[in-house]
Amino acid sequence: MAIEEFADCYGARVQTTVDAIIDDLRNLGADSIRRVVEWNRNLRDSDRALVLALAGIASTVIIKILEKLLGPTAAICFVGLLGGASWALLIRSFTECVDLL
């Protein structure tokens, strides 16, 4: 149930339906979501700003970073999630909802 609660929280923030995101979230898994949030929290402000800038113009770079952090399968799940939201909205929503996992 934790993934469903997280999906409800995340869906409300990115203004999409839970059905549109729940498969990607299940494939990604709670541990990977927590890992992304922790990675983002540990970035210096300048590095976080760089990732945010890159996300807008070079999503392939973000995917490569996520492949190293999570592995290729989980990184592909992010591609689906990024299709419905910007990186900034995705990471902010993950951070706000991670305690539901």
Protein backbone atom coordinates (compact mmCIF):
# COMPACT_ATOMS: atom_id res chain seq x y z
CA MET A 1 0.00 0.00 0.00
CA ALA A 2 2.89 2.39 0.52
CA ILE A 3 3.45 2.78 -3.24
CA GLU A 4 -0.26 3.58 -3.71
CA GLU A 5 -0.16 6.23 -0.95
CA PHE A 6 3.01 7.67 -2.43
CA ALA A 7 1.40 7.65 -5.90
CA ASP A 8 -1.63 9.53 -4.57
CA CYS A 9 0.62 12.14 -2.99
CA TYR A 10 2.86 12.38 -6.05
CA GLY A 11 -0.10 12.46 -8.47
CA ALA A 12 -1.68 15.35 -6.60
CA ARG A 13 1.52 17.36 -6.88
CA VAL A 14 2.15 16.74 -10.57
CA GLN A 15 -1.57 17.01 -11.38
CA THR A 16 -1.99 13.71 -13.13
CA THR A 17 -3.93 10.55 -12.41
CA VAL A 18 -2.55 7.86 -10.20
CA ASP A 19 -3.14 5.30 -12.94
CA ALA A 20 -0.82 7.25 -15.24
CA ILE A 21 2.13 6.93 -12.84
CA ILE A 22 1.62 3.90 -10.61
CA ASP A 23 3.19 1.32 -12.96
CA ASP A 24 6.39 3.36 -13.27
CA LEU A 25 6.49 3.88 -9.51
CA ARG A 26 6.01 0.17 -8.86
CA ASN A 27 8.76 -0.68 -11.34
CA LEU A 28 11.01 1.93 -9.80
CA GLY A 29 10.33 0.74 -6.26
CA ALA A 30 10.41 2.42 -2.87
CA ASP A 31 14.14 1.90 -2.34
CA SER A 32 15.03 3.62 -5.61
CA ILE A 33 12.74 6.54 -4.82
CA ARG A 34 14.38 6.93 -1.42
CA ARG A 35 17.82 6.69 -3.05
CA VAL A 36 17.01 9.51 -5.49
CA VAL A 37 15.68 11.72 -2.68
CA GLU A 38 18.77 11.04 -0.55
CA TRP A 39 21.09 11.67 -3.51
CA ASN A 40 19.35 14.98 -4.21
CA ARG A 41 19.51 16.01 -0.54
CA ASN A 42 23.24 15.32 -0.47
CA LEU A 43 24.00 17.51 -3.48
CA ARG A 44 25.53 20.91 -2.87
CA ASP A 45 23.24 23.79 -3.83
CA SER A 46 25.38 24.53 -6.90
CA ASP A 47 25.25 20.88 -8.01
CA ARG A 48 21.49 20.76 -7.48
CA ALA A 49 21.12 23.89 -9.62
CA LEU A 50 23.27 22.30 -12.32
CA VAL A 51 21.13 19.14 -12.35
CA LEU A 52 18.01 21.29 -12.59
CA ALA A 53 19.47 23.25 -15.52
CA LEU A 54 20.58 20.07 -17.29
CA ALA A 55 17.18 18.46 -16.83
CA GLY A 56 15.59 21.17 -18.92
CA ILE A 57 18.00 20.90 -21.83
CA ALA A 58 19.71 17.53 -21.61
CA SER A 59 17.47 14.86 -20.15
CA THR A 60 19.83 12.19 -21.50
CA VAL A 61 22.46 13.46 -19.05
CA ILE A 62 20.00 13.06 -16.17
CA ILE A 63 19.17 9.55 -17.33
CA LYS A 64 22.90 8.67 -17.39
CA ILE A 65 23.29 9.99 -13.84
CA LEU A 66 20.26 7.97 -12.73
CA GLU A 67 21.60 4.86 -14.48
CA LYS A 68 24.73 5.10 -12.34
CA LEU A 69 22.69 5.75 -9.20
CA LEU A 70 19.89 3.21 -9.73
CA GLY A 71 20.75 1.03 -12.69
CA PRO A 72 19.33 1.07 -16.23
CA THR A 73 15.90 -0.40 -15.48
CA ALA A 74 15.05 2.15 -12.80
CA ALA A 75 16.44 4.98 -14.93
CA ILE A 76 14.03 3.99 -17.71
CA CYS A 77 11.15 4.26 -15.24
CA PHE A 78 12.18 7.85 -14.67
CA VAL A 79 11.85 8.51 -18.39
CA GLY A 80 8.15 7.72 -18.08
CA LEU A 81 7.77 9.90 -15.00
CA LEU A 82 9.69 12.77 -16.60
CA GLY A 83 7.33 12.58 -19.55
CA GLY A 84 4.58 13.89 -17.31
CA ALA A 85 6.49 16.35 -15.16
CA SER A 86 9.60 18.47 -15.07
CA TRP A 87 12.63 17.30 -13.11
CA ALA A 88 12.07 20.07 -10.55
CA LEU A 89 8.47 19.02 -9.98
CA LEU A 90 9.39 15.34 -9.92
CA ILE A 91 12.18 15.69 -7.34
CA ARG A 92 10.17 18.13 -5.19
CA SER A 93 7.19 15.77 -5.24
CA PHE A 94 9.37 12.76 -4.43
CA THR A 95 10.91 14.66 -1.52
CA GLU A 96 7.54 15.79 -0.15
CA CYS A 97 6.01 12.31 -0.42
CA VAL A 98 8.94 10.01 0.46
CA ASP A 99 7.84 9.58 4.08
CA LEU A 100 4.74 7.74 2.85
CA LEU A 101 6.89 4.84 1.61
